[in-house]
Amino acid sequence: MVVSRRSLRHLMLALLAVFPLLALAGGEVDINRADAGELARGLDGIGPAKAAAIVEDREANGPFLAADELTRVSGVGPSTLEANRGRIRIDVD
């Protein structure tokens, strides 16, 4: 099979556009450092409003010391926590 330079270029551009999305989908999210946008993109069931509430809680009450503490945020229940447990990273300074 012969692939033209133009086709190869289009394929490379498509991969470059998709790769960051794939990295976010499978990556971890540091809930103590991520901004609201990163939280909303990286965690299932967390939209812009819940992500903003997580950031506000963190700023008001200090860092999360364990993933389970996310449930202290209104709207984040046990099922949302369990759906994201594998994606949540906790880094505390």
PDB file of N, CA and C in Angstrom:
ATOM      1  N   MET A   1       0.843  -1.176   0.000  1.00  0.00           N
ATOM      2  CA  MET A   1       0.000   0.000   0.000  1.00  0.00           C
ATOM      3  C   MET A   1       0.886   1.236   0.000  1.00  0.00           C
ATOM      4  N   VAL A   2       0.546   2.174  -0.841  1.00  0.00           N
ATOM      5  CA  VAL A   2       1.296   3.418  -0.953  1.00  0.00           C
ATOM      6  C   VAL A   2       0.475   4.539  -0.324  1.00  0.00           C
ATOM      7  N   VAL A   3       1.133   5.289   0.554  1.00  0.00           N
ATOM      8  CA  VAL A   3       0.471   6.397   1.232  1.00  0.00           C
ATOM      9  C   VAL A   3       1.131   7.687   0.770  1.00  0.00           C
ATOM     10  N   SER A   4       0.306   8.615   0.315  1.00  0.00           N
ATOM     11  CA  SER A   4       0.856   9.883  -0.151  1.00  0.00           C
ATOM     12  C   SER A   4       1.311  10.733   1.037  1.00  0.00           C
ATOM     13  N   ARG A   5       2.175  11.666   0.757  1.00  0.00           N
ATOM     14  CA  ARG A   5       2.637  12.581   1.807  1.00  0.00           C
ATOM     15  C   ARG A   5       1.469  13.377   2.384  1.00  0.00           C
ATOM     16  N   ARG A   6       0.549  13.750   1.523  1.00  0.00           N
ATOM     17  CA  ARG A   6      -0.598  14.524   1.983  1.00  0.00           C
ATOM     18  C   ARG A   6      -1.457  13.696   2.942  1.00  0.00           C
ATOM     19  N   SER A   7      -1.693  12.432   2.598  1.00  0.00           N
ATOM     20  CA  SER A   7      -2.481  11.562   3.478  1.00  0.00           C
ATOM     21  C   SER A   7      -1.764  11.337   4.797  1.00  0.00           C
ATOM     22  N   LEU A   8      -0.472  11.137   4.739  1.00  0.00           N
ATOM     23  CA  LEU A   8       0.310  10.939   5.949  1.00  0.00           C
ATOM     24  C   LEU A   8       0.269  12.189   6.830  1.00  0.00           C
ATOM     25  N   ARG A   9       0.357  13.339   6.207  1.00  0.00           N
ATOM     26  CA  ARG A   9       0.286  14.604   6.946  1.00  0.00           C
ATOM     27  C   ARG A   9      -1.070  14.742   7.635  1.00  0.00           C
ATOM     28  N   HIS A  10      -2.155  14.434   6.926  1.00  0.00           N
ATOM     29  CA  HIS A  10      -3.486  14.519   7.523  1.00  0.00           C
ATOM     30  C   HIS A  10      -3.621  13.537   8.692  1.00  0.00           C
ATOM     31  N   LEU A  11      -3.075  12.368   8.527  1.00  0.00           N
ATOM     32  CA  LEU A  11      -3.131  11.378   9.598  1.00  0.00           C
ATOM     33  C   LEU A  11      -2.365  11.875  10.824  1.00  0.00           C
ATOM     34  N   MET A  12      -1.200  12.430  10.631  1.00  0.00           N
ATOM     35  CA  MET A  12      -0.404  12.943  11.741  1.00  0.00           C
ATOM     36  C   MET A  12      -1.130  14.094  12.450  1.00  0.00           C
ATOM     37  N   LEU A  13      -1.738  14.993  11.690  1.00  0.00           N
ATOM     38  CA  LEU A  13      -2.473  16.097  12.292  1.00  0.00           C
ATOM     39  C   LEU A  13      -3.668  15.588  13.098  1.00  0.00           C
ATOM     40  N   ALA A  14      -4.345  14.577  12.583  1.00  0.00           N
ATOM     41  CA  ALA A  14      -5.479  13.995  13.304  1.00  0.00           C
ATOM     42  C   ALA A  14      -5.019  13.354  14.612  1.00  0.00           C
ATOM     43  N   LEU A  15      -3.907  12.642  14.571  1.00  0.00           N
ATOM     44  CA  LEU A  15      -3.380  12.013  15.781  1.00  0.00           C
ATOM     45  C   LEU A  15      -2.957  13.053  16.809  1.00  0.00           C
ATOM     46  N   LEU A  16      -2.360  14.132  16.349  1.00  0.00           N
ATOM     47  CA  LEU A  16      -1.948  15.196  17.267  1.00  0.00           C
ATOM     48  C   LEU A  16      -3.159  15.874  17.913  1.00  0.00           C
ATOM     49  N   ALA A  17      -4.261  15.932  17.188  1.00  0.00           N
ATOM     50  CA  ALA A  17      -5.474  16.539  17.745  1.00  0.00           C
ATOM     51  C   ALA A  17      -6.144  15.624  18.760  1.00  0.00           C
ATOM     52  N   VAL A  18      -6.081  14.311  18.535  1.00  0.00           N
ATOM     53  CA  VAL A  18      -6.778  13.345  19.386  1.00  0.00           C
ATOM     54  C   VAL A  18      -5.945  12.943  20.598  1.00  0.00           C
ATOM     55  N   PHE A  19      -4.638  12.908  20.468  1.00  0.00           N
ATOM     56  CA  PHE A  19      -3.783  12.405  21.543  1.00  0.00           C
ATOM     57  C   PHE A  19      -4.003  13.096  22.885  1.00  0.00           C
ATOM     58  N   PRO A  20      -4.083  14.430  22.943  1.00  0.00           N
ATOM     59  CA  PRO A  20      -4.316  15.062  24.255  1.00  0.00           C
ATOM     60  C   PRO A  20      -5.640  14.635  24.889  1.00  0.00           C
ATOM     61  N   LEU A  21      -6.660  14.408  24.079  1.00  0.00           N
ATOM     62  CA  LEU A  21      -7.946  13.954  24.618  1.00  0.00           C
ATOM     63  C   LEU A  21      -7.831  12.556  25.197  1.00  0.00           C
ATOM     64  N   LEU A  22      -7.081  11.696  24.525  1.00  0.00           N
ATOM     65  CA  LEU A  22      -6.877  10.345  25.033  1.00  0.00           C
ATOM     66  C   LEU A  22      -6.087  10.364  26.335  1.00  0.00           C
ATOM     67  N   ALA A  23      -5.123  11.232  26.412  1.00  0.00           N
ATOM     68  CA  ALA A  23      -4.323  11.336  27.641  1.00  0.00           C
ATOM     69  C   ALA A  23      -5.199  11.777  28.808  1.00  0.00           C
ATOM     70  N   LEU A  24      -6.096  12.710  28.566  1.00  0.00           N
ATOM     71  CA  LEU A  24      -6.988  13.152  29.633  1.00  0.00           C
ATOM     72  C   LEU A  24      -7.948  12.051  30.042  1.00  0.00           C
ATOM     73  N   ALA A  25      -8.436  11.304  29.050  1.00  0.00           N
ATOM     74  CA  ALA A  25      -9.423  10.268  29.337  1.00  0.00           C
ATOM     75  C   ALA A  25      -8.843   9.171  30.214  1.00  0.00           C
ATOM     76  N   GLY A  26      -7.578   8.864  30.062  1.00  0.00           N
ATOM     77  CA  GLY A  26      -6.999   7.773  30.819  1.00  0.00           C
ATOM     78  C   GLY A  26      -6.086   8.205  31.936  1.00  0.00           C
ATOM     79  N   GLY A  27      -5.902   9.496  32.091  1.00  0.00           N
ATOM     80  CA  GLY A  27      -4.944   9.975  33.062  1.00  0.00           C
ATOM     81  C   GLY A  27      -5.533  10.222  34.433  1.00  0.00           C
ATOM     82  N   GLU A  28      -4.658  10.540  35.338  1.00  0.00           N
ATOM     83  CA  GLU A  28      -5.059  10.862  36.700  1.00  0.00           C
ATOM     84  C   GLU A  28      -5.234  12.367  36.833  1.00  0.00           C
ATOM     85  N   VAL A  29      -6.042  12.747  37.804  1.00  0.00           N
ATOM     86  CA  VAL A  29      -6.290  14.158  38.085  1.00  0.00           C
ATOM     87  C   VAL A  29      -5.916  14.420  39.538  1.00  0.00           C
ATOM     88  N   ASP A  30      -5.002  15.337  39.742  1.00  0.00           N
ATOM     89  CA  ASP A  30      -4.624  15.734  41.097  1.00  0.00           C
ATOM     90  C   ASP A  30      -5.692  16.698  41.597  1.00  0.00           C
ATOM     91  N   ILE A  31      -6.549  16.234  42.481  1.00  0.00           N
ATOM     92  CA  ILE A  31      -7.681  17.051  42.919  1.00  0.00           C
ATOM     93  C   ILE A  31      -7.262  18.211  43.817  1.00  0.00           C
ATOM     94  N   ASN A  32      -6.016  18.243  44.226  1.00  0.00           N
ATOM     95  CA  ASN A  32      -5.524  19.366  45.023  1.00  0.00           C
ATOM     96  C   ASN A  32      -4.845  20.437  44.186  1.00  0.00           C
ATOM     97  N   ARG A  33      -4.588  20.159  42.933  1.00  0.00           N
ATOM     98  CA  ARG A  33      -3.915  21.138  42.082  1.00  0.00           C
ATOM     99  C   ARG A  33      -4.688  21.479  40.816  1.00  0.00           C
ATOM    100  N   ALA A  34      -5.591  20.613  40.386  1.00  0.00           N
ATOM    101  CA  ALA A  34      -6.316  20.828  39.141  1.00  0.00           C
ATOM    102  C   ALA A  34      -7.271  22.006  39.261  1.00  0.00           C
ATOM    103  N   ASP A  35      -7.383  22.768  38.176  1.00  0.00           N
ATOM    104  CA  ASP A  35      -8.385  23.823  38.158  1.00  0.00           C
ATOM    105  C   ASP A  35      -9.730  23.211  37.779  1.00  0.00           C
ATOM    106  N   ALA A  36     -10.770  24.023  37.788  1.00  0.00           N
ATOM    107  CA  ALA A  36     -12.119  23.514  37.538  1.00  0.00           C
ATOM    108  C   ALA A  36     -12.233  22.865  36.163  1.00  0.00           C
ATOM    109  N   GLY A  37     -11.599  23.441  35.172  1.00  0.00           N
ATOM    110  CA  GLY A  37     -11.648  22.867  33.822  1.00  0.00           C
ATOM    111  C   GLY A  37     -11.020  21.485  33.758  1.00  0.00           C
ATOM    112  N   GLU A  38      -9.879  21.325  34.396  1.00  0.00           N
ATOM    113  CA  GLU A  38      -9.206  20.025  34.418  1.00  0.00           C
ATOM    114  C   GLU A  38     -10.041  18.993  35.165  1.00  0.00           C
ATOM    115  N   LEU A  39     -10.665  19.404  36.256  1.00  0.00           N
ATOM    116  CA  LEU A  39     -11.516  18.485  37.016  1.00  0.00           C
ATOM    117  C   LEU A  39     -12.703  18.040  36.175  1.00  0.00           C
ATOM    118  N   ALA A  40     -13.344  18.979  35.491  1.00  0.00           N
ATOM    119  CA  ALA A  40     -14.517  18.654  34.677  1.00  0.00           C
ATOM    120  C   ALA A  40     -14.154  17.753  33.507  1.00  0.00           C
ATOM    121  N   ARG A  41     -13.003  17.978  32.899  1.00  0.00           N
ATOM    122  CA  ARG A  41     -12.584  17.148  31.760  1.00  0.00           C
ATOM    123  C   ARG A  41     -12.090  15.777  32.193  1.00  0.00           C
ATOM    124  N   GLY A  42     -11.477  15.706  33.356  1.00  0.00           N
ATOM    125  CA  GLY A  42     -10.807  14.480  33.756  1.00  0.00           C
ATOM    126  C   GLY A  42     -11.610  13.515  34.601  1.00  0.00           C
ATOM    127  N   LEU A  43     -12.738  13.971  35.154  1.00  0.00           N
ATOM    128  CA  LEU A  43     -13.513  13.120  36.055  1.00  0.00           C
ATOM    129  C   LEU A  43     -14.923  12.908  35.518  1.00  0.00           C
ATOM    130  N   ASP A  44     -15.379  11.664  35.526  1.00  0.00           N
ATOM    131  CA  ASP A  44     -16.732  11.331  35.084  1.00  0.00           C
ATOM    132  C   ASP A  44     -17.762  11.866  36.068  1.00  0.00           C
ATOM    133  N   GLY A  45     -18.846  12.418  35.539  1.00  0.00           N
ATOM    134  CA  GLY A  45     -19.924  12.905  36.384  1.00  0.00           C
ATOM    135  C   GLY A  45     -19.641  14.234  37.055  1.00  0.00           C
ATOM    136  N   ILE A  46     -18.524  14.843  36.704  1.00  0.00           N
ATOM    137  CA  ILE A  46     -18.159  16.143  37.261  1.00  0.00           C
ATOM    138  C   ILE A  46     -18.207  17.157  36.124  1.00  0.00           C
ATOM    139  N   GLY A  47     -19.216  18.004  36.164  1.00  0.00           N
ATOM    140  CA  GLY A  47     -19.341  19.063  35.173  1.00  0.00           C
ATOM    141  C   GLY A  47     -18.754  20.349  35.715  1.00  0.00           C
ATOM    142  N   PRO A  48     -18.953  21.430  34.989  1.00  0.00           N
ATOM    143  CA  PRO A  48     -18.381  22.713  35.412  1.00  0.00           C
ATOM    144  C   PRO A  48     -18.822  23.168  36.805  1.00  0.00           C
ATOM    145  N   ALA A  49     -20.084  22.982  37.152  1.00  0.00           N
ATOM    146  CA  ALA A  49     -20.575  23.451  38.459  1.00  0.00           C
ATOM    147  C   ALA A  49     -19.968  22.647  39.605  1.00  0.00           C
ATOM    148  N   LYS A  50     -19.941  21.329  39.476  1.00  0.00           N
ATOM    149  CA  LYS A  50     -19.349  20.499  40.539  1.00  0.00           C
ATOM    150  C   LYS A  50     -17.847  20.725  40.617  1.00  0.00           C
ATOM    151  N   ALA A  51     -17.211  20.904  39.466  1.00  0.00           N
ATOM    152  CA  ALA A  51     -15.767  21.169  39.465  1.00  0.00           C
ATOM    153  C   ALA A  51     -15.462  22.473  40.189  1.00  0.00           C
ATOM    154  N   ALA A  52     -16.273  23.494  39.943  1.00  0.00           N
ATOM    155  CA  ALA A  52     -16.085  24.775  40.638  1.00  0.00           C
ATOM    156  C   ALA A  52     -16.315  24.606  42.142  1.00  0.00           C
ATOM    157  N   ALA A  53     -17.296  23.773  42.517  1.00  0.00           N
ATOM    158  CA  ALA A  53     -17.562  23.527  43.941  1.00  0.00           C
ATOM    159  C   ALA A  53     -16.384  22.802  44.598  1.00  0.00           C
ATOM    160  N   ILE A  54     -15.735  21.897  43.868  1.00  0.00           N
ATOM    161  CA  ILE A  54     -14.558  21.197  44.405  1.00  0.00           C
ATOM    162  C   ILE A  54     -13.437  22.195  44.665  1.00  0.00           C
ATOM    163  N   VAL A  55     -13.199  23.082  43.714  1.00  0.00           N
ATOM    164  CA  VAL A  55     -12.144  24.095  43.875  1.00  0.00           C
ATOM    165  C   VAL A  55     -12.475  25.017  45.046  1.00  0.00           C
ATOM    166  N   GLU A  56     -13.729  25.461  45.145  1.00  0.00           N
ATOM    167  CA  GLU A  56     -14.137  26.346  46.244  1.00  0.00           C
ATOM    168  C   GLU A  56     -13.966  25.657  47.597  1.00  0.00           C
ATOM    169  N   ASP A  57     -14.347  24.388  47.680  1.00  0.00           N
ATOM    170  CA  ASP A  57     -14.194  23.634  48.929  1.00  0.00           C
ATOM    171  C   ASP A  57     -12.726  23.512  49.308  1.00  0.00           C
ATOM    172  N   ARG A  58     -11.908  23.202  48.330  1.00  0.00           N
ATOM    173  CA  ARG A  58     -10.475  23.053  48.575  1.00  0.00           C
ATOM    174  C   ARG A  58      -9.866  24.354  49.076  1.00  0.00           C
ATOM    175  N   GLU A  59     -10.281  25.477  48.486  1.00  0.00           N
ATOM    176  CA  GLU A  59      -9.754  26.776  48.909  1.00  0.00           C
ATOM    177  C   GLU A  59     -10.250  27.155  50.303  1.00  0.00           C
ATOM    178  N   ALA A  60     -11.480  26.778  50.633  1.00  0.00           N
ATOM    179  CA  ALA A  60     -12.058  27.136  51.930  1.00  0.00           C
ATOM    180  C   ALA A  60     -11.607  26.210  53.063  1.00  0.00           C
ATOM    181  N   ASN A  61     -11.420  24.928  52.755  1.00  0.00           N
ATOM    182  CA  ASN A  61     -11.175  23.929  53.799  1.00  0.00           C
ATOM    183  C   ASN A  61      -9.809  23.256  53.739  1.00  0.00           C
ATOM    184  N   GLY A  62      -8.990  23.649  52.800  1.00  0.00           N
ATOM    185  CA  GLY A  62      -7.672  23.038  52.671  1.00  0.00           C
ATOM    186  C   GLY A  62      -7.698  21.840  51.743  1.00  0.00           C
ATOM    187  N   PRO A  63      -6.536  21.263  51.506  1.00  0.00           N
ATOM    188  CA  PRO A  63      -6.429  20.166  50.535  1.00  0.00           C
ATOM    189  C   PRO A  63      -7.170  18.915  50.993  1.00  0.00           C
ATOM    190  N   PHE A  64      -7.534  18.126  50.005  1.00  0.00           N
ATOM    191  CA  PHE A  64      -8.123  16.821  50.281  1.00  0.00           C
ATOM    192  C   PHE A  64      -6.983  15.884  50.669  1.00  0.00           C
ATOM    193  N   LEU A  65      -7.136  15.184  51.765  1.00  0.00           N
ATOM    194  CA  LEU A  65      -6.090  14.275  52.232  1.00  0.00           C
ATOM    195  C   LEU A  65      -6.315  12.853  51.745  1.00  0.00           C
ATOM    196  N   ALA A  66      -7.536  12.560  51.286  1.00  0.00           N
ATOM    197  CA  ALA A  66      -7.887  11.243  50.750  1.00  0.00           C
ATOM    198  C   ALA A  66      -8.993  11.433  49.729  1.00  0.00           C
ATOM    199  N   ALA A  67      -9.083  10.522  48.779  1.00  0.00           N
ATOM    200  CA  ALA A  67     -10.118  10.605  47.747  1.00  0.00           C
ATOM    201  C   ALA A  67     -11.515  10.636  48.360  1.00  0.00           C
ATOM    202  N   ASP A  68     -11.722   9.898  49.444  1.00  0.00           N
ATOM    203  CA  ASP A  68     -13.037   9.840  50.087  1.00  0.00           C
ATOM    204  C   ASP A  68     -13.524  11.215  50.539  1.00  0.00           C
ATOM    205  N   GLU A  69     -12.624  12.152  50.775  1.00  0.00           N
ATOM    206  CA  GLU A  69     -13.014  13.486  51.220  1.00  0.00           C
ATOM    207  C   GLU A  69     -13.735  14.285  50.138  1.00  0.00           C
ATOM    208  N   LEU A  70     -13.692  13.823  48.900  1.00  0.00           N
ATOM    209  CA  LEU A  70     -14.435  14.512  47.844  1.00  0.00           C
ATOM    210  C   LEU A  70     -15.930  14.532  48.135  1.00  0.00           C
ATOM    211  N   THR A  71     -16.406  13.557  48.891  1.00  0.00           N
ATOM    212  CA  THR A  71     -17.841  13.506  49.188  1.00  0.00           C
ATOM    213  C   THR A  71     -18.276  14.630  50.125  1.00  0.00           C
ATOM    214  N   ARG A  72     -17.330  15.387  50.682  1.00  0.00           N
ATOM    215  CA  ARG A  72     -17.704  16.554  51.490  1.00  0.00           C
ATOM    216  C   ARG A  72     -18.223  17.682  50.598  1.00  0.00           C
ATOM    217  N   VAL A  73     -18.019  17.563  49.299  1.00  0.00           N
ATOM    218  CA  VAL A  73     -18.485  18.562  48.343  1.00  0.00           C
ATOM    219  C   VAL A  73     -19.916  18.220  47.944  1.00  0.00           C
ATOM    220  N   SER A  74     -20.804  19.178  48.069  1.00  0.00           N
ATOM    221  CA  SER A  74     -22.197  18.975  47.698  1.00  0.00           C
ATOM    222  C   SER A  74     -22.302  18.527  46.241  1.00  0.00           C
ATOM    223  N   GLY A  75     -23.024  17.449  46.013  1.00  0.00           N
ATOM    224  CA  GLY A  75     -23.209  16.938  44.663  1.00  0.00           C
ATOM    225  C   GLY A  75     -22.252  15.835  44.277  1.00  0.00           C
ATOM    226  N   VAL A  76     -21.256  15.570  45.107  1.00  0.00           N
ATOM    227  CA  VAL A  76     -20.320  14.479  44.848  1.00  0.00           C
ATOM    228  C   VAL A  76     -20.621  13.382  45.863  1.00  0.00           C
ATOM    229  N   GLY A  77     -21.279  12.344  45.395  1.00  0.00           N
ATOM    230  CA  GLY A  77     -21.661  11.257  46.279  1.00  0.00           C
ATOM    231  C   GLY A  77     -20.772  10.040  46.108  1.00  0.00           C
ATOM    232  N   PRO A  78     -21.095   8.989  46.827  1.00  0.00           N
ATOM    233  CA  PRO A  78     -20.292   7.765  46.774  1.00  0.00           C
ATOM    234  C   PRO A  78     -20.179   7.152  45.374  1.00  0.00           C
ATOM    235  N   SER A  79     -21.245   7.209  44.577  1.00  0.00           N
ATOM    236  CA  SER A  79     -21.170   6.604  43.240  1.00  0.00           C
ATOM    237  C   SER A  79     -20.231   7.394  42.326  1.00  0.00           C
ATOM    238  N   THR A  80     -20.257   8.717  42.431  1.00  0.00           N
ATOM    239  CA  THR A  80     -19.329   9.538  41.638  1.00  0.00           C
ATOM    240  C   THR A  80     -17.903   9.288  42.088  1.00  0.00           C
ATOM    241  N   LEU A  81     -17.701   9.184  43.381  1.00  0.00           N
ATOM    242  CA  LEU A  81     -16.373   8.900  43.917  1.00  0.00           C
ATOM    243  C   LEU A  81     -15.849   7.568  43.389  1.00  0.00           C
ATOM    244  N   GLU A  82     -16.672   6.536  43.459  1.00  0.00           N
ATOM    245  CA  GLU A  82     -16.236   5.203  43.020  1.00  0.00           C
ATOM    246  C   GLU A  82     -15.971   5.162  41.515  1.00  0.00           C
ATOM    247  N   ALA A  83     -16.767   5.894  40.738  1.00  0.00           N
ATOM    248  CA  ALA A  83     -16.562   5.934  39.291  1.00  0.00           C
ATOM    249  C   ALA A  83     -15.225   6.561  38.927  1.00  0.00           C
ATOM    250  N   ASN A  84     -14.687   7.369  39.821  1.00  0.00           N
ATOM    251  CA  ASN A  84     -13.452   8.110  39.535  1.00  0.00           C
ATOM    252  C   ASN A  84     -12.260   7.704  40.388  1.00  0.00           C
ATOM    253  N   ARG A  85     -12.436   6.791  41.292  1.00  0.00           N
ATOM    254  CA  ARG A  85     -11.368   6.456  42.243  1.00  0.00           C
ATOM    255  C   ARG A  85     -10.026   6.178  41.554  1.00  0.00           C
ATOM    256  N   GLY A  86     -10.047   5.499  40.438  1.00  0.00           N
ATOM    257  CA  GLY A  86      -8.810   5.182  39.720  1.00  0.00           C
ATOM    258  C   GLY A  86      -8.156   6.357  39.039  1.00  0.00           C
ATOM    259  N   ARG A  87      -8.889   7.445  38.875  1.00  0.00           N
ATOM    260  CA  ARG A  87      -8.361   8.642  38.217  1.00  0.00           C
ATOM    261  C   ARG A  87      -7.878   9.697  39.205  1.00  0.00           C
ATOM    262  N   ILE A  88      -8.270   9.568  40.448  1.00  0.00           N
ATOM    263  CA  ILE A  88      -7.975  10.604  41.445  1.00  0.00           C
ATOM    264  C   ILE A  88      -6.571  10.418  42.010  1.00  0.00           C
ATOM    265  N   ARG A  89      -5.808  11.502  41.962  1.00  0.00           N
ATOM    266  CA  ARG A  89      -4.483  11.517  42.572  1.00  0.00           C
ATOM    267  C   ARG A  89      -4.505  12.574  43.671  1.00  0.00           C
ATOM    268  N   ILE A  90      -3.873  12.268  44.773  1.00  0.00           N
ATOM    269  CA  ILE A  90      -3.794  13.193  45.903  1.00  0.00           C
ATOM    270  C   ILE A  90      -2.333  13.558  46.130  1.00  0.00           C
ATOM    271  N   ASP A  91      -2.003  14.818  45.891  1.00  0.00           N
ATOM    272  CA  ASP A  91      -0.685  15.353  46.230  1.00  0.00           C
ATOM    273  C   ASP A  91      -0.901  16.466  47.235  1.00  0.00           C
ATOM    274  N   VAL A  92      -0.273  16.347  48.376  1.00  0.00           N
ATOM    275  CA  VAL A  92      -0.392  17.353  49.425  1.00  0.00           C
ATOM    276  C   VAL A  92       1.001  17.915  49.664  1.00  0.00           C
ATOM    277  N   ASP A  93       1.106  19.231  49.659  1.00  0.00           N
ATOM    278  CA  ASP A  93       2.427  19.860  49.894  1.00  0.00           C
ATOM    279  C   ASP A  93       2.873  19.693  51.317  1.00  0.00           C
TER     280      ASP A  93
END
